[in-house]
């Protein structure tokens, strides 16, 4: 029997890294050695994975020696520097940052949608999409294979955790700050009460903020352009029309999206529901008569993309309106990275 490949988790002590260890402990065990890697500050920490206590080692070139697959859950600049070093040491790098997503020599993979692209990796690196795109694309990809997608109009409702640990800490603190407060009629009461906005441009508690990411050309944000550009690359559809507005909402974890999808072929509501119900990685919850549809509190901690409110567009029989939710720390980050790594692991037994 062939030896199981070895795996490195870079950024094991971070928010996504901790979810990754949980996922590795519950999925099929396809790995031999698992090595946990983090910054010098975190080296020496003890973490549990697969029931074993593992010691975190410092991120150095030598840390990748003997590693077959290295998963990166670190900021863009760290991945940009260290992923090629891991490749030079003989590993396949699976990166969860934005450093390589739009690199022509790096495939952008969602295993339920485009697994065939995984071997086209001339740089030895495979990229994981942004969490907002991932919360949507599993379901949209399934519909595209049958009905041929032509256009997407997307409004996202993104959780605080999409801004990292600082986002979570900020929202929790703001909730504490306003707990028990009775507000007056003035709109400024909340701004007067909340002094620390954290990573957000306005108070998030009891509010929504039509902004996620950084400013790009023509008033768009980086998050909005990621939805457009990454959807095109994943679906292999470079002319796909995509319009996105990304909104931050006072939810701790799980991104939601309202999607208007136009197709080349007519798509009936019942047919779309049936297709989604049997699609890998999708959970259909769509019973409006009984108020059954996905909400973030139902979805957090789960793996699928949840879909509900499926409707054929009133004015276009070739369009659908639907609502989707996905845990941005699981499928939106750690799980998809783990699934990609597992596809690579299979190559060692072929």
C-alpha atoms as a PDB file:
ATOM      1  CA  UNK A   1       0.000   0.000   0.000  1.00  0.00           C
ATOM      2  CA  UNK A   2       1.365   3.438  -0.957  1.00  0.00           C
ATOM      3  CA  UNK A   3       2.431   5.845   1.762  1.00  0.00           C
ATOM      4  CA  UNK A   4      -0.045   8.584   2.614  1.00  0.00           C
ATOM      5  CA  UNK A   5       1.144  12.063   1.578  1.00  0.00           C
ATOM      6  CA  UNK A   6       2.299  14.560   4.172  1.00  0.00           C
ATOM      7  CA  UNK A   7       0.465  17.839   4.798  1.00  0.00           C
ATOM      8  CA  UNK A   8       1.520  21.213   6.187  1.00  0.00           C
ATOM      9  CA  UNK A   9      -0.981  23.747   7.546  1.00  0.00           C
ATOM     10  CA  UNK A  10       0.558  27.205   7.353  1.00  0.00           C
ATOM     11  CA  UNK A  11      -1.245  29.676   9.613  1.00  0.00           C
ATOM     12  CA  UNK A  12      -2.522  26.926  11.886  1.00  0.00           C
ATOM     13  CA  UNK A  13      -3.043  29.278  14.835  1.00  0.00           C
ATOM     14  CA  UNK A  14      -5.277  31.763  12.982  1.00  0.00           C
ATOM     15  CA  UNK A  15      -9.084  31.955  12.770  1.00  0.00           C
ATOM     16  CA  UNK A  16      -9.292  29.924   9.563  1.00  0.00           C
ATOM     17  CA  UNK A  17      -6.450  27.654  10.666  1.00  0.00           C
ATOM     18  CA  UNK A  18      -8.371  26.585  13.768  1.00  0.00           C
ATOM     19  CA  UNK A  19     -11.374  25.688  11.613  1.00  0.00           C
ATOM     20  CA  UNK A  20      -9.008  23.801   9.313  1.00  0.00           C
ATOM     21  CA  UNK A  21      -7.777  21.610  12.187  1.00  0.00           C
ATOM     22  CA  UNK A  22     -11.376  20.811  13.099  1.00  0.00           C
ATOM     23  CA  UNK A  23     -12.145  19.883   9.492  1.00  0.00           C
ATOM     24  CA  UNK A  24      -9.048  17.707   9.179  1.00  0.00           C
ATOM     25  CA  UNK A  25     -10.108  15.909  12.365  1.00  0.00           C
ATOM     26  CA  UNK A  26     -13.566  15.048  11.042  1.00  0.00           C
ATOM     27  CA  UNK A  27     -12.997  14.262   7.347  1.00  0.00           C
ATOM     28  CA  UNK A  28     -11.625  11.053   5.877  1.00  0.00           C
ATOM     29  CA  UNK A  29      -8.019  10.601   6.955  1.00  0.00           C
ATOM     30  CA  UNK A  30      -6.033  10.752   3.705  1.00  0.00           C
ATOM     31  CA  UNK A  31      -2.888  12.201   5.282  1.00  0.00           C
ATOM     32  CA  UNK A  32       0.212  10.781   6.830  1.00  0.00           C
ATOM     33  CA  UNK A  33       2.154  13.378   8.796  1.00  0.00           C
ATOM     34  CA  UNK A  34       0.396  16.681   9.474  1.00  0.00           C
ATOM     35  CA  UNK A  35       2.793  19.503  10.273  1.00  0.00           C
ATOM     36  CA  UNK A  36       1.544  22.767  11.777  1.00  0.00           C
ATOM     37  CA  UNK A  37       3.430  25.905  10.755  1.00  0.00           C
ATOM     38  CA  UNK A  38       3.043  29.485  11.944  1.00  0.00           C
ATOM     39  CA  UNK A  39       5.019  32.627  12.702  1.00  0.00           C
ATOM     40  CA  UNK A  40       7.956  32.656  15.107  1.00  0.00           C
ATOM     41  CA  UNK A  41       5.631  34.185  17.717  1.00  0.00           C
ATOM     42  CA  UNK A  42       3.358  31.111  17.635  1.00  0.00           C
ATOM     43  CA  UNK A  43       6.056  28.457  17.301  1.00  0.00           C
ATOM     44  CA  UNK A  44       6.025  25.979  20.168  1.00  0.00           C
ATOM     45  CA  UNK A  45       2.281  26.144  20.776  1.00  0.00           C
ATOM     46  CA  UNK A  46       0.471  22.827  21.214  1.00  0.00           C
ATOM     47  CA  UNK A  47      -2.669  22.191  19.134  1.00  0.00           C
ATOM     48  CA  UNK A  48      -4.900  19.135  18.723  1.00  0.00           C
ATOM     49  CA  UNK A  49      -5.527  17.632  15.288  1.00  0.00           C
ATOM     50  CA  UNK A  50      -6.957  14.151  14.620  1.00  0.00           C
ATOM     51  CA  UNK A  51      -6.787  13.493  18.361  1.00  0.00           C
ATOM     52  CA  UNK A  52      -3.039  14.108  18.500  1.00  0.00           C
ATOM     53  CA  UNK A  53      -1.200  16.940  20.205  1.00  0.00           C
ATOM     54  CA  UNK A  54       1.021  18.633  17.628  1.00  0.00           C
ATOM     55  CA  UNK A  55       3.678  21.276  18.194  1.00  0.00           C
ATOM     56  CA  UNK A  56       3.613  24.314  15.928  1.00  0.00           C
ATOM     57  CA  UNK A  57       6.892  24.900  14.104  1.00  0.00           C
ATOM     58  CA  UNK A  58       8.257  28.203  12.840  1.00  0.00           C
ATOM     59  CA  UNK A  59       7.690  29.242   9.231  1.00  0.00           C
ATOM     60  CA  UNK A  60      11.060  28.686   7.553  1.00  0.00           C
ATOM     61  CA  UNK A  61      12.136  27.082   4.256  1.00  0.00           C
ATOM     62  CA  UNK A  62      13.216  23.994   6.191  1.00  0.00           C
ATOM     63  CA  UNK A  63       9.711  23.596   7.630  1.00  0.00           C
ATOM     64  CA  UNK A  64       8.539  22.376   4.201  1.00  0.00           C
ATOM     65  CA  UNK A  65      11.126  19.636   3.817  1.00  0.00           C
ATOM     66  CA  UNK A  66       9.398  16.285   3.328  1.00  0.00           C
ATOM     67  CA  UNK A  67       5.986  17.930   2.812  1.00  0.00           C
ATOM     68  CA  UNK A  68       3.863  16.883  -0.169  1.00  0.00           C
ATOM     69  CA  UNK A  69       1.005  19.410   0.139  1.00  0.00           C
ATOM     70  CA  UNK A  70       1.086  22.752   1.966  1.00  0.00           C
ATOM     71  CA  UNK A  71      -2.147  24.627   2.745  1.00  0.00           C
ATOM     72  CA  UNK A  72      -1.772  28.359   3.355  1.00  0.00           C
ATOM     73  CA  UNK A  73      -4.252  30.257   5.584  1.00  0.00           C
ATOM     74  CA  UNK A  74      -2.264  33.486   5.904  1.00  0.00           C
ATOM     75  CA  UNK A  75      -2.381  37.080   4.574  1.00  0.00           C
ATOM     76  CA  UNK A  76      -1.709  37.756   0.900  1.00  0.00           C
ATOM     77  CA  UNK A  77       1.827  39.040   1.369  1.00  0.00           C
ATOM     78  CA  UNK A  78       2.823  35.998   3.432  1.00  0.00           C
ATOM     79  CA  UNK A  79       1.462  33.589   0.817  1.00  0.00           C
ATOM     80  CA  UNK A  80       3.057  35.552  -2.024  1.00  0.00           C
ATOM     81  CA  UNK A  81       6.464  35.095  -0.396  1.00  0.00           C
ATOM     82  CA  UNK A  82       6.212  31.610   1.096  1.00  0.00           C
ATOM     83  CA  UNK A  83       4.073  29.572  -1.324  1.00  0.00           C
ATOM     84  CA  UNK A  84       6.824  29.555  -4.017  1.00  0.00           C
ATOM     85  CA  UNK A  85       9.320  28.552  -1.312  1.00  0.00           C
ATOM     86  CA  UNK A  86       7.117  25.592  -0.366  1.00  0.00           C
ATOM     87  CA  UNK A  87       6.941  24.602  -4.047  1.00  0.00           C
ATOM     88  CA  UNK A  88      10.740  24.847  -4.329  1.00  0.00           C
ATOM     89  CA  UNK A  89      10.959  22.421  -1.398  1.00  0.00           C
ATOM     90  CA  UNK A  90       8.805  19.916  -3.297  1.00  0.00           C
ATOM     91  CA  UNK A  91       5.295  20.664  -2.041  1.00  0.00           C
ATOM     92  CA  UNK A  92       2.115  21.547  -3.924  1.00  0.00           C
ATOM     93  CA  UNK A  93       0.861  24.820  -2.429  1.00  0.00           C
ATOM     94  CA  UNK A  94      -2.881  25.297  -1.883  1.00  0.00           C
ATOM     95  CA  UNK A  95      -3.421  28.943  -1.067  1.00  0.00           C
ATOM     96  CA  UNK A  96      -6.431  30.507   0.636  1.00  0.00           C
ATOM     97  CA  UNK A  97      -5.281  34.113   0.205  1.00  0.00           C
ATOM     98  CA  UNK A  98      -5.848  36.465  -2.708  1.00  0.00           C
ATOM     99  CA  UNK A  99      -2.207  36.446  -3.765  1.00  0.00           C
ATOM    100  CA  UNK A 100      -2.548  34.115  -6.765  1.00  0.00           C
ATOM    101  CA  UNK A 101      -6.264  33.947  -7.611  1.00  0.00           C
ATOM    102  CA  UNK A 102      -6.077  35.842 -10.878  1.00  0.00           C
ATOM    103  CA  UNK A 103      -2.639  34.536 -11.888  1.00  0.00           C
ATOM    104  CA  UNK A 104      -3.009  32.812 -15.276  1.00  0.00           C
ATOM    105  CA  UNK A 105      -0.605  30.096 -14.180  1.00  0.00           C
ATOM    106  CA  UNK A 106      -2.588  29.239 -11.043  1.00  0.00           C
ATOM    107  CA  UNK A 107      -5.922  27.382 -11.232  1.00  0.00           C
ATOM    108  CA  UNK A 108      -8.775  28.745  -9.101  1.00  0.00           C
ATOM    109  CA  UNK A 109     -10.605  25.654  -7.894  1.00  0.00           C
ATOM    110  CA  UNK A 110     -13.991  24.761  -6.445  1.00  0.00           C
ATOM    111  CA  UNK A 111     -14.063  20.942  -6.373  1.00  0.00           C
ATOM    112  CA  UNK A 112     -17.820  20.731  -7.054  1.00  0.00           C
ATOM    113  CA  UNK A 113     -17.499  23.003 -10.092  1.00  0.00           C
ATOM    114  CA  UNK A 114     -14.139  22.714 -11.896  1.00  0.00           C
ATOM    115  CA  UNK A 115     -12.042  19.865 -10.422  1.00  0.00           C
ATOM    116  CA  UNK A 116     -10.667  19.021 -13.876  1.00  0.00           C
ATOM    117  CA  UNK A 117      -8.554  22.187 -13.777  1.00  0.00           C
ATOM    118  CA  UNK A 118      -6.549  21.120 -10.745  1.00  0.00           C
ATOM    119  CA  UNK A 119      -3.701  19.505 -12.688  1.00  0.00           C
ATOM    120  CA  UNK A 120      -3.108  22.629 -14.771  1.00  0.00           C
ATOM    121  CA  UNK A 121      -0.730  24.181 -12.239  1.00  0.00           C
ATOM    122  CA  UNK A 122       2.577  25.066 -13.925  1.00  0.00           C
ATOM    123  CA  UNK A 123       3.688  27.071 -10.879  1.00  0.00           C
ATOM    124  CA  UNK A 124       2.852  24.281  -8.437  1.00  0.00           C
ATOM    125  CA  UNK A 125       0.251  26.501  -6.753  1.00  0.00           C
ATOM    126  CA  UNK A 126      -3.545  26.114  -6.568  1.00  0.00           C
ATOM    127  CA  UNK A 127      -5.719  28.975  -5.383  1.00  0.00           C
ATOM    128  CA  UNK A 128      -8.876  29.038  -3.271  1.00  0.00           C
ATOM    129  CA  UNK A 129     -11.567  31.619  -4.163  1.00  0.00           C
ATOM    130  CA  UNK A 130     -12.738  34.458  -1.960  1.00  0.00           C
ATOM    131  CA  UNK A 131     -15.310  33.495   0.674  1.00  0.00           C
ATOM    132  CA  UNK A 132     -18.052  35.633  -0.902  1.00  0.00           C
ATOM    133  CA  UNK A 133     -17.627  33.982  -4.285  1.00  0.00           C
ATOM    134  CA  UNK A 134     -17.507  30.548  -2.654  1.00  0.00           C
ATOM    135  CA  UNK A 135     -20.746  31.132  -0.775  1.00  0.00           C
ATOM    136  CA  UNK A 136     -22.448  31.464  -4.150  1.00  0.00           C
ATOM    137  CA  UNK A 137     -20.560  29.610  -6.855  1.00  0.00           C
ATOM    138  CA  UNK A 138     -21.277  25.989  -5.845  1.00  0.00           C
ATOM    139  CA  UNK A 139     -25.003  26.505  -6.510  1.00  0.00           C
ATOM    140  CA  UNK A 140     -24.560  28.847  -9.462  1.00  0.00           C
ATOM    141  CA  UNK A 141     -22.019  26.471 -11.017  1.00  0.00           C
ATOM    142  CA  UNK A 142     -24.518  23.612 -10.871  1.00  0.00           C
ATOM    143  CA  UNK A 143     -27.137  25.734 -12.661  1.00  0.00           C
ATOM    144  CA  UNK A 144     -24.587  26.939 -15.216  1.00  0.00           C
ATOM    145  CA  UNK A 145     -23.758  23.407 -16.350  1.00  0.00           C
ATOM    146  CA  UNK A 146     -27.369  22.889 -17.428  1.00  0.00           C
ATOM    147  CA  UNK A 147     -28.734  26.319 -18.324  1.00  0.00           C
ATOM    148  CA  UNK A 148     -25.590  28.232 -19.452  1.00  0.00           C
ATOM    149  CA  UNK A 149     -25.192  31.345 -17.347  1.00  0.00           C
ATOM    150  CA  UNK A 150     -25.006  34.713 -19.124  1.00  0.00           C
ATOM    151  CA  UNK A 151     -25.312  37.335 -16.377  1.00  0.00           C
ATOM    152  CA  UNK A 152     -25.246  37.705 -12.573  1.00  0.00           C
ATOM    153  CA  UNK A 153     -26.560  40.564 -10.465  1.00  0.00           C
ATOM    154  CA  UNK A 154     -25.452  39.976  -6.871  1.00  0.00           C
ATOM    155  CA  UNK A 155     -26.062  41.704  -3.553  1.00  0.00           C
ATOM    156  CA  UNK A 156     -24.021  40.226  -0.716  1.00  0.00           C
ATOM    157  CA  UNK A 157     -24.737  40.447   3.018  1.00  0.00           C
ATOM    158  CA  UNK A 158     -21.341  39.729   4.523  1.00  0.00           C
ATOM    159  CA  UNK A 159     -20.605  38.706   8.106  1.00  0.00           C
ATOM    160  CA  UNK A 160     -18.183  40.510  10.398  1.00  0.00           C
ATOM    161  CA  UNK A 161     -15.816  37.522  10.397  1.00  0.00           C
ATOM    162  CA  UNK A 162     -15.076  38.262   6.750  1.00  0.00           C
ATOM    163  CA  UNK A 163     -12.935  41.098   8.121  1.00  0.00           C
ATOM    164  CA  UNK A 164     -10.952  38.646  10.245  1.00  0.00           C
ATOM    165  CA  UNK A 165     -10.657  38.383  13.994  1.00  0.00           C
ATOM    166  CA  UNK A 166     -10.740  42.180  14.263  1.00  0.00           C
ATOM    167  CA  UNK A 167     -14.168  42.179  12.635  1.00  0.00           C
ATOM    168  CA  UNK A 168     -15.513  39.608  15.070  1.00  0.00           C
ATOM    169  CA  UNK A 169     -14.025  41.385  18.073  1.00  0.00           C
ATOM    170  CA  UNK A 170     -15.404  44.739  16.929  1.00  0.00           C
ATOM    171  CA  UNK A 171     -18.963  43.506  16.435  1.00  0.00           C
ATOM    172  CA  UNK A 172     -18.975  41.680  19.768  1.00  0.00           C
ATOM    173  CA  UNK A 173     -17.716  44.792  21.541  1.00  0.00           C
ATOM    174  CA  UNK A 174     -20.282  46.994  19.810  1.00  0.00           C
ATOM    175  CA  UNK A 175     -23.084  44.610  20.810  1.00  0.00           C
ATOM    176  CA  UNK A 176     -21.860  44.863  24.400  1.00  0.00           C
ATOM    177  CA  UNK A 177     -21.661  48.662  24.150  1.00  0.00           C
ATOM    178  CA  UNK A 178     -25.300  49.052  23.111  1.00  0.00           C
ATOM    179  CA  UNK A 179     -26.807  46.252  25.224  1.00  0.00           C
ATOM    180  CA  UNK A 180     -29.569  47.634  27.399  1.00  0.00           C
ATOM    181  CA  UNK A 181     -29.424  51.050  25.767  1.00  0.00           C
ATOM    182  CA  UNK A 182     -32.632  52.856  24.940  1.00  0.00           C
ATOM    183  CA  UNK A 183     -32.090  54.996  21.887  1.00  0.00           C
ATOM    184  CA  UNK A 184     -33.791  58.255  21.048  1.00  0.00           C
ATOM    185  CA  UNK A 185     -35.234  59.142  17.698  1.00  0.00           C
ATOM    186  CA  UNK A 186     -32.095  60.823  16.367  1.00  0.00           C
ATOM    187  CA  UNK A 187     -30.159  58.815  13.808  1.00  0.00           C
ATOM    188  CA  UNK A 188     -26.917  60.013  15.357  1.00  0.00           C
ATOM    189  CA  UNK A 189     -27.512  58.263  18.670  1.00  0.00           C
ATOM    190  CA  UNK A 190     -25.722  55.111  17.525  1.00  0.00           C
ATOM    191  CA  UNK A 191     -22.728  56.997  16.139  1.00  0.00           C
ATOM    192  CA  UNK A 192     -22.458  58.884  19.415  1.00  0.00           C
ATOM    193  CA  UNK A 193     -22.497  55.624  21.349  1.00  0.00           C
ATOM    194  CA  UNK A 194     -20.039  53.659  19.174  1.00  0.00           C
ATOM    195  CA  UNK A 195     -16.597  55.262  19.061  1.00  0.00           C
ATOM    196  CA  UNK A 196     -14.513  52.308  17.830  1.00  0.00           C
ATOM    197  CA  UNK A 197     -15.431  51.198  14.311  1.00  0.00           C
ATOM    198  CA  UNK A 198     -12.627  48.640  14.111  1.00  0.00           C
ATOM    199  CA  UNK A 199     -12.042  47.559  10.489  1.00  0.00           C
ATOM    200  CA  UNK A 200     -15.388  49.011   9.362  1.00  0.00           C
ATOM    201  CA  UNK A 201     -16.081  52.558   8.096  1.00  0.00           C
ATOM    202  CA  UNK A 202     -19.171  52.962  10.318  1.00  0.00           C
ATOM    203  CA  UNK A 203     -20.817  51.272  13.326  1.00  0.00           C
ATOM    204  CA  UNK A 204     -21.857  47.748  12.363  1.00  0.00           C
ATOM    205  CA  UNK A 205     -24.151  46.891  15.266  1.00  0.00           C
ATOM    206  CA  UNK A 206     -27.825  47.693  14.464  1.00  0.00           C
ATOM    207  CA  UNK A 207     -26.642  48.863  11.065  1.00  0.00           C
ATOM    208  CA  UNK A 208     -25.653  47.758   7.552  1.00  0.00           C
ATOM    209  CA  UNK A 209     -22.647  49.148   5.705  1.00  0.00           C
ATOM    210  CA  UNK A 210     -22.610  49.167   1.871  1.00  0.00           C
ATOM    211  CA  UNK A 211     -18.890  48.559   1.816  1.00  0.00           C
ATOM    212  CA  UNK A 212     -16.580  45.540   2.023  1.00  0.00           C
ATOM    213  CA  UNK A 213     -12.958  45.545   0.954  1.00  0.00           C
ATOM    214  CA  UNK A 214     -10.913  48.435  -0.391  1.00  0.00           C
ATOM    215  CA  UNK A 215     -11.669  51.114  -2.984  1.00  0.00           C
ATOM    216  CA  UNK A 216     -10.954  50.244  -6.604  1.00  0.00           C
ATOM    217  CA  UNK A 217     -11.698  51.915  -9.937  1.00  0.00           C
ATOM    218  CA  UNK A 218     -15.011  53.657 -10.641  1.00  0.00           C
ATOM    219  CA  UNK A 219     -16.259  53.363  -7.065  1.00  0.00           C
ATOM    220  CA  UNK A 220     -16.220  49.558  -6.876  1.00  0.00           C
ATOM    221  CA  UNK A 221     -14.671  47.711  -3.942  1.00  0.00           C
ATOM    222  CA  UNK A 222     -12.167  44.893  -4.062  1.00  0.00           C
ATOM    223  CA  UNK A 223     -14.821  42.452  -2.779  1.00  0.00           C
ATOM    224  CA  UNK A 224     -17.209  43.382  -5.590  1.00  0.00           C
ATOM    225  CA  UNK A 225     -14.551  42.896  -8.249  1.00  0.00           C
ATOM    226  CA  UNK A 226     -13.542  39.553  -6.719  1.00  0.00           C
ATOM    227  CA  UNK A 227     -17.096  38.262  -7.192  1.00  0.00           C
ATOM    228  CA  UNK A 228     -16.938  39.315 -10.851  1.00  0.00           C
ATOM    229  CA  UNK A 229     -13.442  38.198 -11.762  1.00  0.00           C
ATOM    230  CA  UNK A 230     -13.354  34.969  -9.764  1.00  0.00           C
ATOM    231  CA  UNK A 231     -16.767  33.805 -11.008  1.00  0.00           C
ATOM    232  CA  UNK A 232     -15.549  34.263 -14.568  1.00  0.00           C
ATOM    233  CA  UNK A 233     -12.376  32.270 -13.948  1.00  0.00           C
ATOM    234  CA  UNK A 234     -14.001  29.408 -12.010  1.00  0.00           C
ATOM    235  CA  UNK A 235     -16.747  28.931 -14.602  1.00  0.00           C
ATOM    236  CA  UNK A 236     -14.368  29.345 -17.539  1.00  0.00           C
ATOM    237  CA  UNK A 237     -16.623  32.139 -18.786  1.00  0.00           C
ATOM    238  CA  UNK A 238     -14.454  35.234 -19.458  1.00  0.00           C
ATOM    239  CA  UNK A 239     -17.330  37.271 -20.938  1.00  0.00           C
ATOM    240  CA  UNK A 240     -19.803  36.612 -18.105  1.00  0.00           C
ATOM    241  CA  UNK A 241     -21.597  39.818 -17.106  1.00  0.00           C
ATOM    242  CA  UNK A 242     -21.410  40.325 -13.345  1.00  0.00           C
ATOM    243  CA  UNK A 243     -22.618  43.242 -11.241  1.00  0.00           C
ATOM    244  CA  UNK A 244     -22.086  43.042  -7.480  1.00  0.00           C
ATOM    245  CA  UNK A 245     -22.800  45.233  -4.462  1.00  0.00           C
ATOM    246  CA  UNK A 246     -21.211  44.008  -1.233  1.00  0.00           C
ATOM    247  CA  UNK A 247     -22.760  44.957   2.098  1.00  0.00           C
ATOM    248  CA  UNK A 248     -21.459  44.275   5.605  1.00  0.00           C
ATOM    249  CA  UNK A 249     -24.185  43.220   8.069  1.00  0.00           C
ATOM    250  CA  UNK A 250     -24.168  42.656  11.865  1.00  0.00           C
ATOM    251  CA  UNK A 251     -23.832  38.878  11.634  1.00  0.00           C
ATOM    252  CA  UNK A 252     -20.849  37.126  13.217  1.00  0.00           C
ATOM    253  CA  UNK A 253     -20.335  34.316  10.691  1.00  0.00           C
ATOM    254  CA  UNK A 254     -21.982  33.243   7.391  1.00  0.00           C
ATOM    255  CA  UNK A 255     -22.243  35.303   4.240  1.00  0.00           C
ATOM    256  CA  UNK A 256     -25.579  35.605   2.412  1.00  0.00           C
ATOM    257  CA  UNK A 257     -26.286  36.653  -1.170  1.00  0.00           C
ATOM    258  CA  UNK A 258     -29.345  37.658  -3.159  1.00  0.00           C
ATOM    259  CA  UNK A 259     -28.700  36.609  -6.755  1.00  0.00           C
ATOM    260  CA  UNK A 260     -30.427  37.401 -10.044  1.00  0.00           C
ATOM    261  CA  UNK A 261     -29.048  34.937 -12.606  1.00  0.00           C
ATOM    262  CA  UNK A 262     -29.800  35.122 -16.330  1.00  0.00           C
ATOM    263  CA  UNK A 263     -29.274  32.030 -18.487  1.00  0.00           C
ATOM    264  CA  UNK A 264     -29.156  31.171 -22.168  1.00  0.00           C
ATOM    265  CA  UNK A 265     -31.944  28.610 -21.733  1.00  0.00           C
ATOM    266  CA  UNK A 266     -35.341  28.879 -20.109  1.00  0.00           C
ATOM    267  CA  UNK A 267     -35.275  27.713 -16.485  1.00  0.00           C
ATOM    268  CA  UNK A 268     -38.418  26.787 -14.601  1.00  0.00           C
ATOM    269  CA  UNK A 269     -38.570  27.137 -10.840  1.00  0.00           C
ATOM    270  CA  UNK A 270     -39.369  23.485 -10.119  1.00  0.00           C
ATOM    271  CA  UNK A 271     -36.638  22.242 -12.452  1.00  0.00           C
ATOM    272  CA  UNK A 272     -34.097  24.525 -10.804  1.00  0.00           C
ATOM    273  CA  UNK A 273     -35.162  23.378  -7.342  1.00  0.00           C
ATOM    274  CA  UNK A 274     -34.850  19.724  -8.352  1.00  0.00           C
ATOM    275  CA  UNK A 275     -31.398  20.327  -9.818  1.00  0.00           C
ATOM    276  CA  UNK A 276     -30.159  22.178  -6.752  1.00  0.00           C
ATOM    277  CA  UNK A 277     -31.593  19.554  -4.391  1.00  0.00           C
ATOM    278  CA  UNK A 278     -29.454  16.841  -5.962  1.00  0.00           C
ATOM    279  CA  UNK A 279     -26.294  18.927  -6.516  1.00  0.00           C
ATOM    280  CA  UNK A 280     -23.165  18.137  -4.525  1.00  0.00           C
ATOM    281  CA  UNK A 281     -22.380  20.730  -1.883  1.00  0.00           C
ATOM    282  CA  UNK A 282     -25.859  22.305  -1.990  1.00  0.00           C
ATOM    283  CA  UNK A 283     -28.674  22.123   0.561  1.00  0.00           C
ATOM    284  CA  UNK A 284     -32.073  23.300  -0.709  1.00  0.00           C
ATOM    285  CA  UNK A 285     -34.377  24.817   1.927  1.00  0.00           C
ATOM    286  CA  UNK A 286     -37.209  26.376  -0.030  1.00  0.00           C
ATOM    287  CA  UNK A 287     -40.713  26.178   1.418  1.00  0.00           C
ATOM    288  CA  UNK A 288     -41.993  29.771   1.509  1.00  0.00           C
ATOM    289  CA  UNK A 289     -45.519  28.703   2.434  1.00  0.00           C
ATOM    290  CA  UNK A 290     -44.093  27.578   5.782  1.00  0.00           C
ATOM    291  CA  UNK A 291     -41.428  30.307   5.982  1.00  0.00           C
ATOM    292  CA  UNK A 292     -38.626  27.829   5.397  1.00  0.00           C
ATOM    293  CA  UNK A 293     -35.527  29.389   3.823  1.00  0.00           C
ATOM    294  CA  UNK A 294     -31.863  29.755   4.796  1.00  0.00           C
ATOM    295  CA  UNK A 295     -30.688  32.272   7.355  1.00  0.00           C
ATOM    296  CA  UNK A 296     -27.147  32.670   8.729  1.00  0.00           C
ATOM    297  CA  UNK A 297     -28.001  31.224  12.150  1.00  0.00           C
ATOM    298  CA  UNK A 298     -29.128  28.003  10.442  1.00  0.00           C
ATOM    299  CA  UNK A 299     -26.059  27.769   8.247  1.00  0.00           C
ATOM    300  CA  UNK A 300     -23.163  28.667  10.549  1.00  0.00           C
ATOM    301  CA  UNK A 301     -20.990  25.655  11.308  1.00  0.00           C
ATOM    302  CA  UNK A 302     -22.219  23.680   8.277  1.00  0.00           C
ATOM    303  CA  UNK A 303     -20.494  22.818   5.019  1.00  0.00           C
ATOM    304  CA  UNK A 304     -22.981  23.221   2.122  1.00  0.00           C
ATOM    305  CA  UNK A 305     -24.187  26.278   0.284  1.00  0.00           C
ATOM    306  CA  UNK A 306     -27.800  26.634   1.440  1.00  0.00           C
ATOM    307  CA  UNK A 307     -30.297  27.858  -1.154  1.00  0.00           C
ATOM    308  CA  UNK A 308     -33.873  29.124  -0.847  1.00  0.00           C
ATOM    309  CA  UNK A 309     -36.352  31.657  -2.204  1.00  0.00           C
ATOM    310  CA  UNK A 310     -35.894  30.173  -5.691  1.00  0.00           C
ATOM    311  CA  UNK A 311     -38.134  31.995  -8.184  1.00  0.00           C
ATOM    312  CA  UNK A 312     -38.379  32.240 -11.930  1.00  0.00           C
ATOM    313  CA  UNK A 313     -37.987  35.929 -12.722  1.00  0.00           C
ATOM    314  CA  UNK A 314     -41.368  37.545 -13.386  1.00  0.00           C
ATOM    315  CA  UNK A 315     -40.172  39.404 -16.483  1.00  0.00           C
ATOM    316  CA  UNK A 316     -37.736  36.853 -17.913  1.00  0.00           C
ATOM    317  CA  UNK A 317     -38.337  33.073 -18.183  1.00  0.00           C
ATOM    318  CA  UNK A 318     -34.583  32.604 -18.640  1.00  0.00           C
ATOM    319  CA  UNK A 319     -33.722  34.137 -15.262  1.00  0.00           C
ATOM    320  CA  UNK A 320     -33.863  33.057 -11.622  1.00  0.00           C
ATOM    321  CA  UNK A 321     -33.940  34.949  -8.361  1.00  0.00           C
ATOM    322  CA  UNK A 322     -32.580  33.081  -5.343  1.00  0.00           C
ATOM    323  CA  UNK A 323     -31.074  33.561  -1.884  1.00  0.00           C
ATOM    324  CA  UNK A 324     -27.938  31.741  -0.732  1.00  0.00           C
ATOM    325  CA  UNK A 325     -26.012  31.360   2.533  1.00  0.00           C
ATOM    326  CA  UNK A 326     -22.605  29.831   3.204  1.00  0.00           C
ATOM    327  CA  UNK A 327     -20.379  29.699   6.274  1.00  0.00           C
ATOM    328  CA  UNK A 328     -17.492  31.926   5.219  1.00  0.00           C
ATOM    329  CA  UNK A 329     -15.017  30.248   7.586  1.00  0.00           C
ATOM    330  CA  UNK A 330     -15.867  26.692   6.492  1.00  0.00           C
ATOM    331  CA  UNK A 331     -16.725  26.272   2.802  1.00  0.00           C
ATOM    332  CA  UNK A 332     -15.762  29.897   2.254  1.00  0.00           C
ATOM    333  CA  UNK A 333     -12.210  29.234   3.399  1.00  0.00           C
ATOM    334  CA  UNK A 334     -11.001  26.153   5.278  1.00  0.00           C
ATOM    335  CA  UNK A 335     -13.217  23.433   3.801  1.00  0.00           C
ATOM    336  CA  UNK A 336     -12.661  24.317   0.152  1.00  0.00           C
ATOM    337  CA  UNK A 337      -8.905  24.462   0.782  1.00  0.00           C
ATOM    338  CA  UNK A 338      -9.043  21.032   2.427  1.00  0.00           C
ATOM    339  CA  UNK A 339     -11.088  19.618  -0.470  1.00  0.00           C
ATOM    340  CA  UNK A 340      -8.549  20.901  -2.980  1.00  0.00           C
ATOM    341  CA  UNK A 341      -5.712  19.369  -0.962  1.00  0.00           C
ATOM    342  CA  UNK A 342      -7.560  16.038  -0.889  1.00  0.00           C
ATOM    343  CA  UNK A 343      -7.817  16.067  -4.698  1.00  0.00           C
ATOM    344  CA  UNK A 344      -4.048  16.545  -4.836  1.00  0.00           C
ATOM    345  CA  UNK A 345      -3.583  13.754  -2.285  1.00  0.00           C
ATOM    346  CA  UNK A 346      -5.349  11.337  -4.654  1.00  0.00           C
ATOM    347  CA  UNK A 347      -2.604  11.920  -7.209  1.00  0.00           C
ATOM    348  CA  UNK A 348      -0.127  10.191  -4.910  1.00  0.00           C
ATOM    349  CA  UNK A 349      -2.076   6.950  -5.184  1.00  0.00           C
ATOM    350  CA  UNK A 350      -2.701   7.086  -8.951  1.00  0.00           C
END
